[in-house]
Amino acid sequence: MSASPRWPLERVLFLMAGTVTILSVILAVTVSPWFLLLTVFVGASQWMYVGFGDCPSSLVMRRLFGLEGCRR
């Protein structure tokens, strides 16, 4: 069994969510508390993915980069 060089969609989404959350906290502390709205958007997107199987980021990743999820 060979490992695929491509990451599954869920792994990329998790990476993006963590990065944006950390970035929004840093920006909220250094620039403006309004950047915490990014954290709210990330949380809402994660709920959408769990509830409906898609979120805005997953749709973009599928269409632009052809990423597929782990689900079969």
PDB file of N, CA and C in Angstrom:
ATOM      1  N   MET A   1       0.844  -1.167   0.000  1.00  0.00           N
ATOM      2  CA  MET A   1       0.000   0.000   0.000  1.00  0.00           C
ATOM      3  C   MET A   1       0.895   1.237   0.000  1.00  0.00           C
ATOM      4  N   SER A   2       0.814   2.047  -1.022  1.00  0.00           N
ATOM      5  CA  SER A   2       1.645   3.242  -1.102  1.00  0.00           C
ATOM      6  C   SER A   2       0.869   4.456  -0.610  1.00  0.00           C
ATOM      7  N   ALA A   3       1.584   5.367   0.006  1.00  0.00           N
ATOM      8  CA  ALA A   3       0.968   6.588   0.516  1.00  0.00           C
ATOM      9  C   ALA A   3       0.765   7.576  -0.628  1.00  0.00           C
ATOM     10  N   SER A   4      -0.384   8.216  -0.609  1.00  0.00           N
ATOM     11  CA  SER A   4      -0.680   9.218  -1.631  1.00  0.00           C
ATOM     12  C   SER A   4       0.069  10.503  -1.305  1.00  0.00           C
ATOM     13  N   PRO A   5       0.675  11.151  -2.306  1.00  0.00           N
ATOM     14  CA  PRO A   5       1.392  12.387  -2.039  1.00  0.00           C
ATOM     15  C   PRO A   5       0.450  13.558  -1.744  1.00  0.00           C
ATOM     16  N   ARG A   6      -0.835  13.401  -2.079  1.00  0.00           N
ATOM     17  CA  ARG A   6      -1.794  14.472  -1.847  1.00  0.00           C
ATOM     18  C   ARG A   6      -2.473  14.301  -0.493  1.00  0.00           C
ATOM     19  N   TRP A   7      -2.701  15.421   0.171  1.00  0.00           N
ATOM     20  CA  TRP A   7      -3.415  15.399   1.437  1.00  0.00           C
ATOM     21  C   TRP A   7      -4.905  15.322   1.163  1.00  0.00           C
ATOM     22  N   PRO A   8      -5.659  14.620   2.010  1.00  0.00           N
ATOM     23  CA  PRO A   8      -7.115  14.611   1.847  1.00  0.00           C
ATOM     24  C   PRO A   8      -7.705  15.974   2.235  1.00  0.00           C
ATOM     25  N   LEU A   9      -8.878  16.233   1.747  1.00  0.00           N
ATOM     26  CA  LEU A   9      -9.555  17.509   1.971  1.00  0.00           C
ATOM     27  C   LEU A   9      -9.660  17.851   3.452  1.00  0.00           C
ATOM     28  N   GLU A  10     -10.013  16.896   4.283  1.00  0.00           N
ATOM     29  CA  GLU A  10     -10.189  17.167   5.709  1.00  0.00           C
ATOM     30  C   GLU A  10      -8.897  17.663   6.363  1.00  0.00           C
ATOM     31  N   ARG A  11      -7.784  17.104   5.949  1.00  0.00           N
ATOM     32  CA  ARG A  11      -6.502  17.521   6.526  1.00  0.00           C
ATOM     33  C   ARG A  11      -6.157  18.961   6.128  1.00  0.00           C
ATOM     34  N   VAL A  12      -6.428  19.318   4.891  1.00  0.00           N
ATOM     35  CA  VAL A  12      -6.171  20.684   4.418  1.00  0.00           C
ATOM     36  C   VAL A  12      -7.093  21.667   5.138  1.00  0.00           C
ATOM     37  N   LEU A  13      -8.364  21.297   5.303  1.00  0.00           N
ATOM     38  CA  LEU A  13      -9.310  22.171   6.002  1.00  0.00           C
ATOM     39  C   LEU A  13      -8.890  22.393   7.451  1.00  0.00           C
ATOM     40  N   PHE A  14      -8.427  21.327   8.101  1.00  0.00           N
ATOM     41  CA  PHE A  14      -7.978  21.438   9.488  1.00  0.00           C
ATOM     42  C   PHE A  14      -6.765  22.358   9.579  1.00  0.00           C
ATOM     43  N   LEU A  15      -5.838  22.240   8.642  1.00  0.00           N
ATOM     44  CA  LEU A  15      -4.662  23.113   8.598  1.00  0.00           C
ATOM     45  C   LEU A  15      -5.065  24.571   8.403  1.00  0.00           C
ATOM     46  N   MET A  16      -5.978  24.809   7.469  1.00  0.00           N
ATOM     47  CA  MET A  16      -6.441  26.183   7.208  1.00  0.00           C
ATOM     48  C   MET A  16      -7.156  26.771   8.415  1.00  0.00           C
ATOM     49  N   ALA A  17      -8.018  25.987   9.050  1.00  0.00           N
ATOM     50  CA  ALA A  17      -8.778  26.478  10.205  1.00  0.00           C
ATOM     51  C   ALA A  17      -7.840  26.858  11.351  1.00  0.00           C
ATOM     52  N   GLY A  18      -6.869  26.023  11.627  1.00  0.00           N
ATOM     53  CA  GLY A  18      -5.915  26.331  12.686  1.00  0.00           C
ATOM     54  C   GLY A  18      -5.085  27.560  12.395  1.00  0.00           C
ATOM     55  N   THR A  19      -4.644  27.683  11.151  1.00  0.00           N
ATOM     56  CA  THR A  19      -3.828  28.830  10.752  1.00  0.00           C
ATOM     57  C   THR A  19      -4.616  30.130  10.860  1.00  0.00           C
ATOM     58  N   VAL A  20      -5.835  30.145  10.350  1.00  0.00           N
ATOM     59  CA  VAL A  20      -6.651  31.360  10.388  1.00  0.00           C
ATOM     60  C   VAL A  20      -7.028  31.717  11.829  1.00  0.00           C
ATOM     61  N   THR A  21      -7.294  30.720  12.659  1.00  0.00           N
ATOM     62  CA  THR A  21      -7.627  30.991  14.058  1.00  0.00           C
ATOM     63  C   THR A  21      -6.453  31.633  14.784  1.00  0.00           C
ATOM     64  N   ILE A  22      -5.266  31.073  14.631  1.00  0.00           N
ATOM     65  CA  ILE A  22      -4.077  31.648  15.271  1.00  0.00           C
ATOM     66  C   ILE A  22      -3.800  33.043  14.732  1.00  0.00           C
ATOM     67  N   LEU A  23      -3.890  33.215  13.424  1.00  0.00           N
ATOM     68  CA  LEU A  23      -3.657  34.523  12.818  1.00  0.00           C
ATOM     69  C   LEU A  23      -4.664  35.557  13.315  1.00  0.00           C
ATOM     70  N   SER A  24      -5.932  35.173  13.439  1.00  0.00           N
ATOM     71  CA  SER A  24      -6.938  36.131  13.888  1.00  0.00           C
ATOM     72  C   SER A  24      -6.708  36.552  15.338  1.00  0.00           C
ATOM     73  N   VAL A  25      -6.246  35.638  16.178  1.00  0.00           N
ATOM     74  CA  VAL A  25      -5.950  35.998  17.566  1.00  0.00           C
ATOM     75  C   VAL A  25      -4.763  36.956  17.625  1.00  0.00           C
ATOM     76  N   ILE A  26      -3.733  36.673  16.851  1.00  0.00           N
ATOM     77  CA  ILE A  26      -2.566  37.568  16.815  1.00  0.00           C
ATOM     78  C   ILE A  26      -2.973  38.949  16.326  1.00  0.00           C
ATOM     79  N   LEU A  27      -3.769  39.011  15.263  1.00  0.00           N
ATOM     80  CA  LEU A  27      -4.218  40.300  14.741  1.00  0.00           C
ATOM     81  C   LEU A  27      -5.149  41.019  15.717  1.00  0.00           C
ATOM     82  N   ALA A  28      -5.980  40.268  16.436  1.00  0.00           N
ATOM     83  CA  ALA A  28      -6.875  40.887  17.419  1.00  0.00           C
ATOM     84  C   ALA A  28      -6.095  41.521  18.565  1.00  0.00           C
ATOM     85  N   VAL A  29      -5.004  40.876  18.962  1.00  0.00           N
ATOM     86  CA  VAL A  29      -4.186  41.400  20.057  1.00  0.00           C
ATOM     87  C   VAL A  29      -3.367  42.601  19.602  1.00  0.00           C
ATOM     88  N   THR A  30      -2.844  42.543  18.380  1.00  0.00           N
ATOM     89  CA  THR A  30      -1.925  43.590  17.929  1.00  0.00           C
ATOM     90  C   THR A  30      -2.588  44.714  17.132  1.00  0.00           C
ATOM     91  N   VAL A  31      -3.709  44.444  16.455  1.00  0.00           N
ATOM     92  CA  VAL A  31      -4.303  45.450  15.571  1.00  0.00           C
ATOM     93  C   VAL A  31      -5.676  45.900  16.066  1.00  0.00           C
ATOM     94  N   SER A  32      -6.645  44.986  16.047  1.00  0.00           N
ATOM     95  CA  SER A  32      -8.015  45.346  16.403  1.00  0.00           C
ATOM     96  C   SER A  32      -8.782  44.099  16.837  1.00  0.00           C
ATOM     97  N   PRO A  33      -9.615  44.231  17.868  1.00  0.00           N
ATOM     98  CA  PRO A  33     -10.432  43.095  18.302  1.00  0.00           C
ATOM     99  C   PRO A  33     -11.416  42.619  17.224  1.00  0.00           C
ATOM    100  N   TRP A  34     -11.682  43.423  16.235  1.00  0.00           N
ATOM    101  CA  TRP A  34     -12.590  43.032  15.158  1.00  0.00           C
ATOM    102  C   TRP A  34     -12.079  41.831  14.379  1.00  0.00           C
ATOM    103  N   PHE A  35     -10.794  41.560  14.445  1.00  0.00           N
ATOM    104  CA  PHE A  35     -10.245  40.389  13.758  1.00  0.00           C
ATOM    105  C   PHE A  35     -10.740  39.076  14.366  1.00  0.00           C
ATOM    106  N   LEU A  36     -11.333  39.132  15.550  1.00  0.00           N
ATOM    107  CA  LEU A  36     -11.909  37.920  16.144  1.00  0.00           C
ATOM    108  C   LEU A  36     -13.106  37.420  15.338  1.00  0.00           C
ATOM    109  N   LEU A  37     -13.657  38.266  14.474  1.00  0.00           N
ATOM    110  CA  LEU A  37     -14.730  37.808  13.587  1.00  0.00           C
ATOM    111  C   LEU A  37     -14.236  36.697  12.658  1.00  0.00           C
ATOM    112  N   LEU A  38     -12.953  36.700  12.330  1.00  0.00           N
ATOM    113  CA  LEU A  38     -12.387  35.599  11.540  1.00  0.00           C
ATOM    114  C   LEU A  38     -12.512  34.272  12.287  1.00  0.00           C
ATOM    115  N   THR A  39     -12.285  34.321  13.594  1.00  0.00           N
ATOM    116  CA  THR A  39     -12.417  33.112  14.403  1.00  0.00           C
ATOM    117  C   THR A  39     -13.858  32.619  14.395  1.00  0.00           C
ATOM    118  N   VAL A  40     -14.804  33.542  14.461  1.00  0.00           N
ATOM    119  CA  VAL A  40     -16.227  33.179  14.396  1.00  0.00           C
ATOM    120  C   VAL A  40     -16.540  32.528  13.048  1.00  0.00           C
ATOM    121  N   PHE A  41     -16.007  33.088  11.971  1.00  0.00           N
ATOM    122  CA  PHE A  41     -16.236  32.523  10.643  1.00  0.00           C
ATOM    123  C   PHE A  41     -15.661  31.111  10.535  1.00  0.00           C
ATOM    124  N   VAL A  42     -14.479  30.894  11.101  1.00  0.00           N
ATOM    125  CA  VAL A  42     -13.864  29.558  11.078  1.00  0.00           C
ATOM    126  C   VAL A  42     -14.736  28.564  11.830  1.00  0.00           C
ATOM    127  N   GLY A  43     -15.205  28.953  13.015  1.00  0.00           N
ATOM    128  CA  GLY A  43     -16.060  28.064  13.797  1.00  0.00           C
ATOM    129  C   GLY A  43     -17.367  27.745  13.077  1.00  0.00           C
ATOM    130  N   ALA A  44     -17.980  28.750  12.472  1.00  0.00           N
ATOM    131  CA  ALA A  44     -19.223  28.530  11.732  1.00  0.00           C
ATOM    132  C   ALA A  44     -18.984  27.620  10.525  1.00  0.00           C
ATOM    133  N   SER A  45     -17.858  27.788   9.861  1.00  0.00           N
ATOM    134  CA  SER A  45     -17.533  26.933   8.719  1.00  0.00           C
ATOM    135  C   SER A  45     -17.333  25.482   9.145  1.00  0.00           C
ATOM    136  N   GLN A  46     -16.705  25.289  10.292  1.00  0.00           N
ATOM    137  CA  GLN A  46     -16.513  23.929  10.785  1.00  0.00           C
ATOM    138  C   GLN A  46     -17.853  23.278  11.119  1.00  0.00           C
ATOM    139  N   TRP A  47     -18.762  24.024  11.703  1.00  0.00           N
ATOM    140  CA  TRP A  47     -20.098  23.504  11.983  1.00  0.00           C
ATOM    141  C   TRP A  47     -20.826  23.148  10.690  1.00  0.00           C
ATOM    142  N   MET A  48     -20.675  24.003   9.671  1.00  0.00           N
ATOM    143  CA  MET A  48     -21.310  23.708   8.379  1.00  0.00           C
ATOM    144  C   MET A  48     -20.762  22.416   7.789  1.00  0.00           C
ATOM    145  N   TYR A  49     -19.436  22.229   7.881  1.00  0.00           N
ATOM    146  CA  TYR A  49     -18.835  21.021   7.316  1.00  0.00           C
ATOM    147  C   TYR A  49     -19.340  19.783   8.041  1.00  0.00           C
ATOM    148  N   VAL A  50     -19.420  19.849   9.352  1.00  0.00           N
ATOM    149  CA  VAL A  50     -19.900  18.698  10.134  1.00  0.00           C
ATOM    150  C   VAL A  50     -21.380  18.449   9.852  1.00  0.00           C
ATOM    151  N   GLY A  51     -22.172  19.509   9.792  1.00  0.00           N
ATOM    152  CA  GLY A  51     -23.617  19.360   9.626  1.00  0.00           C
ATOM    153  C   GLY A  51     -24.068  19.013   8.224  1.00  0.00           C
ATOM    154  N   PHE A  52     -23.402  19.596   7.224  1.00  0.00           N
ATOM    155  CA  PHE A  52     -23.859  19.434   5.846  1.00  0.00           C
ATOM    156  C   PHE A  52     -22.874  18.718   4.930  1.00  0.00           C
ATOM    157  N   GLY A  53     -21.652  18.510   5.404  1.00  0.00           N
ATOM    158  CA  GLY A  53     -20.663  17.839   4.582  1.00  0.00           C
ATOM    159  C   GLY A  53     -19.896  18.776   3.663  1.00  0.00           C
ATOM    160  N   ASP A  54     -20.219  20.059   3.726  1.00  0.00           N
ATOM    161  CA  ASP A  54     -19.523  21.065   2.918  1.00  0.00           C
ATOM    162  C   ASP A  54     -19.479  22.384   3.671  1.00  0.00           C
ATOM    163  N   CYS A  55     -18.446  23.158   3.384  1.00  0.00           N
ATOM    164  CA  CYS A  55     -18.333  24.520   3.876  1.00  0.00           C
ATOM    165  C   CYS A  55     -17.753  25.338   2.723  1.00  0.00           C
ATOM    166  N   PRO A  56     -17.728  26.660   2.835  1.00  0.00           N
ATOM    167  CA  PRO A  56     -17.195  27.458   1.716  1.00  0.00           C
ATOM    168  C   PRO A  56     -15.782  27.036   1.292  1.00  0.00           C
ATOM    169  N   SER A  57     -14.926  26.776   2.243  1.00  0.00           N
ATOM    170  CA  SER A  57     -13.544  26.393   1.910  1.00  0.00           C
ATOM    171  C   SER A  57     -13.475  25.042   1.218  1.00  0.00           C
ATOM    172  N   SER A  58     -14.309  24.091   1.648  1.00  0.00           N
ATOM    173  CA  SER A  58     -14.268  22.770   1.021  1.00  0.00           C
ATOM    174  C   SER A  58     -14.731  22.835  -0.430  1.00  0.00           C
ATOM    175  N   LEU A  59     -15.703  23.677  -0.710  1.00  0.00           N
ATOM    176  CA  LEU A  59     -16.169  23.830  -2.094  1.00  0.00           C
ATOM    177  C   LEU A  59     -15.057  24.398  -2.982  1.00  0.00           C
ATOM    178  N   VAL A  60     -14.345  25.396  -2.457  1.00  0.00           N
ATOM    179  CA  VAL A  60     -13.243  26.007  -3.217  1.00  0.00           C
ATOM    180  C   VAL A  60     -12.115  24.999  -3.437  1.00  0.00           C
ATOM    181  N   MET A  61     -11.756  24.263  -2.391  1.00  0.00           N
ATOM    182  CA  MET A  61     -10.667  23.282  -2.511  1.00  0.00           C
ATOM    183  C   MET A  61     -11.007  22.169  -3.496  1.00  0.00           C
ATOM    184  N   ARG A  62     -12.246  21.752  -3.514  1.00  0.00           N
ATOM    185  CA  ARG A  62     -12.645  20.702  -4.464  1.00  0.00           C
ATOM    186  C   ARG A  62     -12.586  21.207  -5.899  1.00  0.00           C
ATOM    187  N   ARG A  63     -13.102  22.409  -6.128  1.00  0.00           N
ATOM    188  CA  ARG A  63     -13.179  22.925  -7.504  1.00  0.00           C
ATOM    189  C   ARG A  63     -11.835  23.384  -8.037  1.00  0.00           C
ATOM    190  N   LEU A  64     -11.064  24.097  -7.231  1.00  0.00           N
ATOM    191  CA  LEU A  64      -9.801  24.649  -7.723  1.00  0.00           C
ATOM    192  C   LEU A  64      -8.655  23.641  -7.722  1.00  0.00           C
ATOM    193  N   PHE A  65      -8.597  22.800  -6.688  1.00  0.00           N
ATOM    194  CA  PHE A  65      -7.450  21.917  -6.530  1.00  0.00           C
ATOM    195  C   PHE A  65      -7.785  20.436  -6.689  1.00  0.00           C
ATOM    196  N   GLY A  66      -9.058  20.121  -6.842  1.00  0.00           N
ATOM    197  CA  GLY A  66      -9.454  18.735  -7.048  1.00  0.00           C
ATOM    198  C   GLY A  66      -9.257  17.840  -5.845  1.00  0.00           C
ATOM    199  N   LEU A  67      -9.250  18.418  -4.654  1.00  0.00           N
ATOM    200  CA  LEU A  67      -9.057  17.611  -3.447  1.00  0.00           C
ATOM    201  C   LEU A  67     -10.312  16.816  -3.140  1.00  0.00           C
ATOM    202  N   GLU A  68     -10.120  15.625  -2.676  1.00  0.00           N
ATOM    203  CA  GLU A  68     -11.239  14.756  -2.282  1.00  0.00           C
ATOM    204  C   GLU A  68     -11.076  14.383  -0.817  1.00  0.00           C
ATOM    205  N   GLY A  69     -12.175  14.107  -0.183  1.00  0.00           N
ATOM    206  CA  GLY A  69     -12.167  13.748   1.237  1.00  0.00           C
ATOM    207  C   GLY A  69     -11.829  12.288   1.462  1.00  0.00           C
ATOM    208  N   CYS A  70     -11.719  11.940   2.724  1.00  0.00           N
ATOM    209  CA  CYS A  70     -11.413  10.567   3.132  1.00  0.00           C
ATOM    210  C   CYS A  70     -12.640   9.678   3.040  1.00  0.00           C
ATOM    211  N   ARG A  71     -13.828  10.268   3.073  1.00  0.00           N
ATOM    212  CA  ARG A  71     -15.061   9.482   3.077  1.00  0.00           C
ATOM    213  C   ARG A  71     -15.204   8.688   1.795  1.00  0.00           C
ATOM    214  N   ARG A  72     -15.722   7.482   1.928  1.00  0.00           N
ATOM    215  CA  ARG A  72     -15.924   6.628   0.756  1.00  0.00           C
ATOM    216  C   ARG A  72     -17.326   6.126   0.707  1.00  0.00           C
TER     217      ARG A  72
END
